[in-house]
Amino acid sequence: MFNPFCAAFLLAVEAQRVIELRLVRLAWGGAEAQAEMVSMVGEKVVAAMEAANTLMTGGSHDQVIARYRELVADNTRRLTA
């Protein structure tokens, strides 16, 4: 598909968009902001465990980056809906 550098670069750019969207949601405060904070922490823990499992079972860094890009895309869709 892409070379690993391109995929990692795209992940960084896409993640910045999610950070922007989350900061806006947090800035508005209220119940949505609190729910977003809880969701954000939980997602990071689960994603890190999934990445570690992928690598420990022989998966590649490319697979980890591809999965993180899927998760970031899911968050972008959710936060822009």
C-alpha atoms as a PDB file:
ATOM      1  CA  MET A   1       0.000   0.000   0.000  1.00  0.00           C
ATOM      2  CA  PHE A   2       2.040   2.990   1.274  1.00  0.00           C
ATOM      3  CA  ASN A   3       5.571   2.972   2.422  1.00  0.00           C
ATOM      4  CA  PRO A   4       5.729   2.950   6.244  1.00  0.00           C
ATOM      5  CA  PHE A   5       6.809   6.589   6.477  1.00  0.00           C
ATOM      6  CA  CYS A   6       3.800   7.778   4.478  1.00  0.00           C
ATOM      7  CA  ALA A   7       1.376   5.778   6.597  1.00  0.00           C
ATOM      8  CA  ALA A   8       2.922   7.097   9.821  1.00  0.00           C
ATOM      9  CA  PHE A   9       2.838  10.653   8.474  1.00  0.00           C
ATOM     10  CA  LEU A  10      -0.836  10.324   7.521  1.00  0.00           C
ATOM     11  CA  LEU A  11      -1.615   8.938  10.979  1.00  0.00           C
ATOM     12  CA  ALA A  12       0.011  11.998  12.562  1.00  0.00           C
ATOM     13  CA  VAL A  13      -1.971  14.399  10.370  1.00  0.00           C
ATOM     14  CA  GLU A  14      -5.255  12.552  10.905  1.00  0.00           C
ATOM     15  CA  ALA A  15      -4.692  12.355  14.662  1.00  0.00           C
ATOM     16  CA  GLN A  16      -4.212  16.134  14.800  1.00  0.00           C
ATOM     17  CA  ARG A  17      -7.717  16.565  13.384  1.00  0.00           C
ATOM     18  CA  VAL A  18      -9.163  14.334  16.109  1.00  0.00           C
ATOM     19  CA  ILE A  19      -7.250  16.289  18.749  1.00  0.00           C
ATOM     20  CA  GLU A  20      -8.723  19.518  17.385  1.00  0.00           C
ATOM     21  CA  LEU A  21     -12.255  18.115  17.391  1.00  0.00           C
ATOM     22  CA  ARG A  22     -11.850  16.763  20.921  1.00  0.00           C
ATOM     23  CA  LEU A  23     -10.467  20.046  22.246  1.00  0.00           C
ATOM     24  CA  VAL A  24     -13.485  21.876  20.867  1.00  0.00           C
ATOM     25  CA  ARG A  25     -15.811  19.376  22.506  1.00  0.00           C
ATOM     26  CA  LEU A  26     -13.929  19.661  25.813  1.00  0.00           C
ATOM     27  CA  ALA A  27     -13.963  23.457  25.636  1.00  0.00           C
ATOM     28  CA  TRP A  28     -17.754  23.489  25.487  1.00  0.00           C
ATOM     29  CA  GLY A  29     -17.835  21.591  28.783  1.00  0.00           C
ATOM     30  CA  GLY A  30     -20.820  19.804  30.226  1.00  0.00           C
ATOM     31  CA  ALA A  31     -21.799  16.164  30.099  1.00  0.00           C
ATOM     32  CA  GLU A  32     -20.537  15.691  26.531  1.00  0.00           C
ATOM     33  CA  ALA A  33     -17.077  16.903  27.530  1.00  0.00           C
ATOM     34  CA  GLN A  34     -16.963  14.590  30.518  1.00  0.00           C
ATOM     35  CA  ALA A  35     -18.101  11.626  28.408  1.00  0.00           C
ATOM     36  CA  GLU A  36     -15.455  12.482  25.797  1.00  0.00           C
ATOM     37  CA  MET A  37     -12.700  12.502  28.424  1.00  0.00           C
ATOM     38  CA  VAL A  38     -13.735   9.092  29.736  1.00  0.00           C
ATOM     39  CA  SER A  39     -14.017   7.715  26.212  1.00  0.00           C
ATOM     40  CA  MET A  40     -10.657   9.164  25.212  1.00  0.00           C
ATOM     41  CA  VAL A  41      -8.780   7.511  28.068  1.00  0.00           C
ATOM     42  CA  GLY A  42     -10.522   4.163  27.581  1.00  0.00           C
ATOM     43  CA  GLU A  43      -9.852   4.166  23.842  1.00  0.00           C
ATOM     44  CA  LYS A  44      -6.156   4.851  24.358  1.00  0.00           C
ATOM     45  CA  VAL A  45      -5.779   1.982  26.836  1.00  0.00           C
ATOM     46  CA  VAL A  46      -7.590  -0.474  24.566  1.00  0.00           C
ATOM     47  CA  ALA A  47      -5.653   0.678  21.473  1.00  0.00           C
ATOM     48  CA  ALA A  48      -2.318   0.336  23.281  1.00  0.00           C
ATOM     49  CA  MET A  49      -3.181  -3.179  24.467  1.00  0.00           C
ATOM     50  CA  GLU A  50      -4.295  -4.123  20.959  1.00  0.00           C
ATOM     51  CA  ALA A  51      -1.048  -2.765  19.473  1.00  0.00           C
ATOM     52  CA  ALA A  52       1.054  -4.636  22.026  1.00  0.00           C
ATOM     53  CA  ASN A  53      -0.842  -7.837  21.290  1.00  0.00           C
ATOM     54  CA  THR A  54      -0.334  -7.396  17.552  1.00  0.00           C
ATOM     55  CA  LEU A  55       3.401  -6.959  17.969  1.00  0.00           C
ATOM     56  CA  MET A  56       3.771  -9.791  20.500  1.00  0.00           C
ATOM     57  CA  THR A  57       2.002 -12.219  18.176  1.00  0.00           C
ATOM     58  CA  GLY A  58       4.273 -11.431  15.254  1.00  0.00           C
ATOM     59  CA  GLY A  59       2.392  -8.590  13.661  1.00  0.00           C
ATOM     60  CA  SER A  60       4.193  -5.702  12.013  1.00  0.00           C
ATOM     61  CA  HIS A  61       4.434  -2.045  12.813  1.00  0.00           C
ATOM     62  CA  ASP A  62       2.594  -1.421   9.561  1.00  0.00           C
ATOM     63  CA  GLN A  63      -0.372  -3.398  10.898  1.00  0.00           C
ATOM     64  CA  VAL A  64      -0.366  -1.358  14.092  1.00  0.00           C
ATOM     65  CA  ILE A  65      -0.288   1.926  12.166  1.00  0.00           C
ATOM     66  CA  ALA A  66      -3.082   0.746   9.848  1.00  0.00           C
ATOM     67  CA  ARG A  67      -5.249  -0.176  12.839  1.00  0.00           C
ATOM     68  CA  TYR A  68      -4.580   3.145  14.571  1.00  0.00           C
ATOM     69  CA  ARG A  69      -5.580   4.922  11.347  1.00  0.00           C
ATOM     70  CA  GLU A  70      -8.875   2.999  11.367  1.00  0.00           C
ATOM     71  CA  LEU A  71      -9.528   4.043  14.961  1.00  0.00           C
ATOM     72  CA  VAL A  72      -8.663   7.664  14.207  1.00  0.00           C
ATOM     73  CA  ALA A  73     -10.993   7.637  11.193  1.00  0.00           C
ATOM     74  CA  ASP A  74     -13.796   6.241  13.385  1.00  0.00           C
ATOM     75  CA  ASN A  75     -13.267   9.062  15.868  1.00  0.00           C
ATOM     76  CA  THR A  76     -13.230  11.671  13.112  1.00  0.00           C
ATOM     77  CA  ARG A  77     -16.563  10.390  11.786  1.00  0.00           C
ATOM     78  CA  ARG A  78     -18.071  10.301  15.287  1.00  0.00           C
ATOM     79  CA  LEU A  79     -16.866  13.777  16.249  1.00  0.00           C
ATOM     80  CA  THR A  80     -17.986  15.413  13.002  1.00  0.00           C
ATOM     81  CA  ALA A  81     -21.459  13.844  12.991  1.00  0.00           C
END
